[in-house]
Amino acid sequence: MTNDDDDFLASYDPRAFPPVAVTVDVVAFTIRDGRLHVLLVRRAGPPQQDAWALPGGFVGEWEDLPTAAARELAEETGVATAHRRLHLEQLATYGMPDRDPRMRIVSVAYLAFAPHLPDPVAGTDARAAAWMPMDDLPTPLAFDHATILADGLERARSKLEYSPLATRFVGEEFTIAELRAVYETVWGEPLHAGNFHRKVLSVPGFVESTGATTERGGARGGPRAKLYRAGDAQLLHPALLMPSREETVR
């Protein structure tokens, strides 16, 4: 810093400005029993005590935003971001002046995905924690969390179109049918099996064959399915569009 910076900071008074706090909120998705679930916590204290909310909390003075998101997810629900297949990315920032009755609070939301995430265990300021199916959510959610959750779902649906994110919802080896089930669950739309299979294999680097097959055939005694793993593509080209959006494009 320069001498001018030193002089300025010596006389700088942050109390001359309205106080603003920063929090993080996490929209964590997984698939259970063929349904898309989101991780919610029940608030243990006011404001909005007992309301269901996204896991999150205030950012500590010692930490950056991703670290705070990981910490809050672990402290409030017991779900650790150390899960090796967990995908965590920044979603958006929410700063309406009246979004929290305590003071001006700006929240930076994060999006998380992983397959086979464990049952949550409530901790710190959460009375309960649970995976809730997206088609049967408690209402209303605390603060503006319904908006954040809707934005998170839209981001997830969009990312499935142009990125290999769907492979985060399945195991390290998977069938095309299992991958299709992820798309159908997140998009909320049925897909034609043959067309989907053809589109997936036409995208360079999306998936690659393991050379192995499932141990047994399908439910009706059909042939054993080929097993695939995630490829090295970072973006899908051509993209896989949701059927409803594909019709709009046409």
Protein backbone atom coordinates (compact mmCIF):
# COMPACT_ATOMS: atom_id res chain seq x y z
CA MET A 1 0.00 0.00 0.00
CA THR A 2 1.03 3.62 -0.52
CA ASN A 3 1.30 6.28 2.18
CA ASP A 4 -1.97 7.73 0.88
CA ASP A 5 -3.64 4.36 1.47
CA ASP A 6 -2.26 4.23 5.02
CA ASP A 7 -3.52 7.74 5.78
CA PHE A 8 -6.94 6.98 4.30
CA LEU A 9 -7.38 3.73 6.24
CA ALA A 10 -6.24 5.32 9.48
CA SER A 11 -9.16 7.78 9.30
CA TYR A 12 -11.68 5.41 7.67
CA ASP A 13 -14.75 4.75 9.83
CA PRO A 14 -16.92 1.80 8.62
CA ARG A 15 -19.63 2.90 11.05
CA ALA A 16 -20.35 5.80 8.69
CA PHE A 17 -22.12 3.31 6.41
CA PRO A 18 -25.19 1.12 7.01
CA PRO A 19 -24.19 -2.33 8.32
CA VAL A 20 -24.39 -5.22 5.85
CA ALA A 21 -23.87 -8.91 6.61
CA VAL A 22 -23.07 -11.73 4.20
CA THR A 23 -24.50 -15.25 4.39
CA VAL A 24 -24.32 -18.37 2.24
CA ASP A 25 -27.18 -20.72 1.37
CA VAL A 26 -26.83 -24.13 -0.27
CA VAL A 27 -29.26 -25.76 -2.71
CA ALA A 28 -28.21 -29.42 -2.49
CA PHE A 29 -29.88 -31.92 -4.85
CA THR A 30 -29.76 -35.69 -4.99
CA ILE A 31 -31.98 -38.41 -6.44
CA ARG A 32 -33.68 -40.89 -4.12
CA ASP A 33 -36.13 -43.60 -5.14
CA GLY A 34 -36.41 -42.07 -8.60
CA ARG A 35 -37.38 -38.62 -7.29
CA LEU A 36 -35.40 -35.39 -7.11
CA HIS A 37 -34.79 -34.34 -3.49
CA VAL A 38 -33.46 -31.13 -1.96
CA LEU A 39 -31.80 -30.80 1.44
CA LEU A 40 -33.75 -28.64 3.91
CA VAL A 41 -33.30 -27.74 7.57
CA ARG A 42 -35.87 -26.70 10.15
CA ARG A 43 -34.86 -23.48 11.87
CA ALA A 44 -34.30 -23.88 15.62
CA GLY A 45 -34.71 -20.21 16.51
CA PRO A 46 -36.09 -16.88 15.30
CA PRO A 47 -36.54 -15.28 12.91
CA GLN A 48 -39.02 -17.67 11.29
CA GLN A 49 -38.49 -20.34 13.91
CA ASP A 50 -39.62 -23.85 12.84
CA ALA A 51 -39.80 -22.82 9.18
CA TRP A 52 -38.04 -25.07 6.68
CA ALA A 53 -35.09 -23.43 4.96
CA LEU A 54 -32.03 -24.10 2.86
CA PRO A 55 -28.93 -24.90 4.92
CA GLY A 56 -26.73 -21.86 5.36
CA GLY A 57 -25.53 -19.15 7.67
CA PHE A 58 -23.25 -16.19 8.20
CA VAL A 59 -19.81 -16.04 6.63
CA GLY A 60 -17.04 -15.91 9.22
CA GLU A 61 -14.44 -13.17 9.14
CA TRP A 62 -11.75 -15.81 8.62
CA GLU A 63 -13.21 -17.65 5.61
CA ASP A 64 -14.00 -17.20 1.94
CA LEU A 65 -17.43 -17.96 0.46
CA PRO A 66 -16.90 -21.56 -0.76
CA THR A 67 -15.38 -22.48 2.60
CA ALA A 68 -18.38 -20.97 4.40
CA ALA A 69 -20.82 -22.89 2.18
CA ALA A 70 -19.01 -26.17 2.84
CA ARG A 71 -18.85 -25.49 6.58
CA GLU A 72 -22.53 -24.59 6.90
CA LEU A 73 -23.59 -27.64 4.91
CA ALA A 74 -21.56 -29.88 7.23
CA GLU A 75 -22.50 -28.13 10.49
CA GLU A 76 -26.24 -27.89 9.88
CA THR A 77 -26.83 -31.24 8.16
CA GLY A 78 -23.76 -33.44 8.63
CA VAL A 79 -23.38 -33.67 4.83
CA ALA A 80 -19.73 -33.01 4.10
CA THR A 81 -18.48 -31.54 0.85
CA ALA A 82 -15.60 -34.00 1.06
CA HIS A 83 -17.88 -36.48 -0.72
CA ARG A 84 -15.67 -37.25 -3.70
CA ARG A 85 -18.46 -36.98 -6.27
CA LEU A 86 -20.03 -33.82 -4.87
CA HIS A 87 -20.32 -30.94 -7.33
CA LEU A 88 -20.42 -27.47 -5.71
CA GLU A 89 -20.76 -24.23 -7.66
CA GLN A 90 -21.86 -20.68 -7.01
CA LEU A 91 -25.46 -20.06 -8.08
CA ALA A 92 -26.37 -16.40 -7.59
CA THR A 93 -26.42 -13.51 -5.12
CA TYR A 94 -29.60 -12.31 -3.38
CA GLY A 95 -29.74 -8.88 -1.80
CA MET A 96 -33.25 -7.44 -1.59
CA PRO A 97 -33.24 -4.97 1.33
CA ASP A 98 -36.15 -6.67 3.12
CA ARG A 99 -35.19 -10.32 2.54
CA ASP A 100 -34.24 -10.73 6.22
CA PRO A 101 -35.88 -8.85 9.13
CA ARG A 102 -32.67 -8.67 11.20
CA MET A 103 -30.65 -6.30 9.03
CA ARG A 104 -29.44 -5.86 5.47
CA ILE A 105 -28.17 -9.35 4.61
CA VAL A 106 -26.78 -10.36 1.23
CA SER A 107 -26.77 -14.10 0.56
CA VAL A 108 -24.51 -15.90 -1.90
CA ALA A 109 -26.18 -19.16 -2.89
CA TYR A 110 -24.39 -22.34 -3.90
CA LEU A 111 -25.59 -25.35 -5.84
CA ALA A 112 -24.53 -28.88 -4.86
CA PHE A 113 -25.14 -32.27 -6.52
CA ALA A 114 -24.06 -35.81 -5.77
CA PRO A 115 -25.45 -39.35 -5.93
CA HIS A 116 -26.15 -41.44 -2.85
CA LEU A 117 -25.77 -38.63 -0.33
CA PRO A 118 -26.32 -39.81 3.25
CA ASP A 119 -29.25 -39.08 5.52
CA PRO A 120 -28.64 -35.66 7.10
CA VAL A 121 -28.13 -35.12 10.82
CA ALA A 122 -29.28 -31.77 12.20
CA GLY A 123 -26.71 -29.65 14.03
CA THR A 124 -25.86 -26.12 15.25
CA ASP A 125 -28.93 -23.90 14.68
CA ALA A 126 -31.04 -26.49 12.81
CA ARG A 127 -33.79 -28.33 14.68
CA ALA A 128 -34.13 -30.96 11.96
CA ALA A 129 -32.65 -31.77 8.57
CA ALA A 130 -34.17 -33.88 5.82
CA TRP A 131 -34.11 -34.71 2.13
CA MET A 132 -37.42 -33.42 0.78
CA PRO A 133 -38.89 -34.49 -2.59
CA MET A 134 -39.21 -31.53 -4.93
CA ASP A 135 -42.76 -32.49 -5.82
CA ASP A 136 -43.85 -32.45 -2.15
CA LEU A 137 -42.12 -29.53 -0.44
CA PRO A 138 -43.24 -27.89 2.81
CA THR A 139 -44.52 -24.36 2.34
CA PRO A 140 -43.76 -21.62 2.84
CA LEU A 141 -39.98 -21.79 3.01
CA ALA A 142 -38.12 -19.26 5.15
CA PHE A 143 -37.01 -15.88 3.82
CA ASP A 144 -36.66 -15.87 0.00
CA HIS A 145 -35.52 -19.49 -0.12
CA ALA A 146 -38.37 -20.52 -2.42
CA THR A 147 -36.92 -18.14 -5.03
CA ILE A 148 -33.38 -19.41 -4.47
CA LEU A 149 -34.56 -23.01 -4.76
CA ALA A 150 -36.46 -22.28 -7.99
CA ASP A 151 -33.36 -20.65 -9.43
CA GLY A 152 -31.29 -23.64 -8.37
CA LEU A 153 -33.65 -26.06 -10.09
CA GLU A 154 -33.58 -24.00 -13.28
CA ARG A 155 -29.77 -23.91 -13.19
CA ALA A 156 -29.64 -27.69 -12.71
CA ARG A 157 -32.01 -28.29 -15.62
CA SER A 158 -30.02 -25.97 -17.86
CA LYS A 159 -26.67 -27.47 -16.92
CA LEU A 160 -27.92 -30.93 -17.87
CA GLU A 161 -28.48 -29.56 -21.36
CA TYR A 162 -24.98 -28.25 -22.04
CA SER A 163 -22.70 -29.94 -19.48
CA PRO A 164 -22.00 -33.52 -18.34
CA LEU A 165 -23.45 -32.74 -14.89
CA ALA A 166 -25.87 -35.70 -15.09
CA THR A 167 -22.93 -38.06 -14.62
CA ARG A 168 -22.61 -36.64 -11.07
CA PHE A 169 -25.96 -38.20 -10.18
CA VAL A 170 -24.94 -41.75 -11.07
CA GLY A 171 -22.17 -44.09 -10.00
CA GLU A 172 -18.75 -44.20 -11.59
CA GLU A 173 -20.09 -46.85 -14.00
CA PHE A 174 -23.62 -46.56 -15.34
CA THR A 175 -25.95 -47.57 -18.13
CA ILE A 176 -27.53 -45.19 -20.61
CA ALA A 177 -30.90 -46.05 -19.06
CA GLU A 178 -29.63 -44.91 -15.64
CA LEU A 179 -28.36 -41.68 -17.18
CA ARG A 180 -31.72 -41.15 -18.91
CA ALA A 181 -33.47 -41.60 -15.56
CA VAL A 182 -31.45 -38.68 -14.20
CA TYR A 183 -32.53 -36.43 -17.05
CA GLU A 184 -36.17 -37.46 -16.69
CA THR A 185 -36.11 -36.88 -12.93
CA VAL A 186 -34.44 -33.46 -13.01
CA TRP A 187 -36.27 -32.24 -16.11
CA GLY A 188 -39.60 -33.68 -15.02
CA GLU A 189 -40.27 -34.87 -18.57
CA PRO A 190 -40.33 -38.36 -20.15
CA LEU A 191 -37.72 -39.08 -22.81
CA HIS A 192 -37.75 -41.47 -25.76
CA ALA A 193 -35.25 -44.20 -24.87
CA GLY A 194 -33.91 -44.75 -28.38
CA ASN A 195 -33.55 -41.07 -29.23
CA PHE A 196 -31.83 -40.35 -25.93
CA HIS A 197 -29.40 -43.23 -26.40
CA ARG A 198 -28.51 -41.98 -29.87
CA LYS A 199 -28.04 -38.37 -28.75
CA VAL A 200 -25.80 -39.29 -25.79
CA LEU A 201 -23.48 -41.40 -27.93
CA SER A 202 -23.33 -38.68 -30.61
CA VAL A 203 -21.85 -36.10 -28.20
CA PRO A 204 -18.03 -36.33 -28.27
CA GLY A 205 -16.52 -36.97 -24.86
CA PHE A 206 -19.83 -37.17 -22.96
CA VAL A 207 -19.52 -40.85 -22.02
CA GLU A 208 -17.09 -43.62 -22.85
CA SER A 209 -17.60 -47.37 -22.83
CA THR A 210 -16.01 -49.43 -20.06
CA GLY A 211 -16.13 -52.52 -22.26
CA ALA A 212 -18.23 -54.27 -19.59
CA THR A 213 -21.94 -55.01 -19.27
CA THR A 214 -24.39 -55.40 -16.41
CA GLU A 215 -24.40 -58.76 -14.64
CA ARG A 216 -27.88 -59.60 -15.85
CA GLY A 217 -30.37 -58.44 -18.44
CA GLY A 218 -33.35 -56.17 -18.04
CA ALA A 219 -36.52 -56.89 -16.08
CA ARG A 220 -38.05 -58.69 -19.05
CA GLY A 221 -35.06 -60.91 -19.65
CA GLY A 222 -33.51 -58.72 -22.35
CA PRO A 223 -29.82 -58.50 -23.16
CA ARG A 224 -27.35 -57.18 -20.63
CA ALA A 225 -26.77 -53.43 -20.89
CA LYS A 226 -23.42 -51.85 -21.70
CA LEU A 227 -21.68 -49.92 -18.94
CA TYR A 228 -20.24 -46.44 -19.44
CA ARG A 229 -18.22 -43.92 -17.47
CA ALA A 230 -18.05 -40.13 -17.69
CA GLY A 231 -15.89 -38.86 -20.55
CA ASP A 232 -13.57 -35.87 -20.59
CA ALA A 233 -15.96 -33.35 -22.16
CA GLN A 234 -16.54 -30.15 -20.20
CA LEU A 235 -19.34 -28.95 -22.47
CA LEU A 236 -21.84 -30.96 -24.53
CA HIS A 237 -21.88 -30.14 -28.22
CA PRO A 238 -24.44 -30.59 -29.55
CA ALA A 239 -26.43 -29.83 -26.40
CA LEU A 240 -29.21 -32.10 -25.16
CA LEU A 241 -32.27 -29.86 -24.97
CA MET A 242 -35.29 -30.44 -22.77
CA PRO A 243 -38.12 -31.67 -25.02
CA SER A 244 -40.28 -28.67 -24.07
CA ARG A 245 -37.47 -26.25 -24.98
CA GLU A 246 -36.64 -28.17 -28.13
CA GLU A 247 -40.17 -27.57 -29.34
CA THR A 248 -39.81 -23.85 -28.59
CA VAL A 249 -36.56 -23.66 -30.55
CA ARG A 250 -38.24 -25.27 -33.53
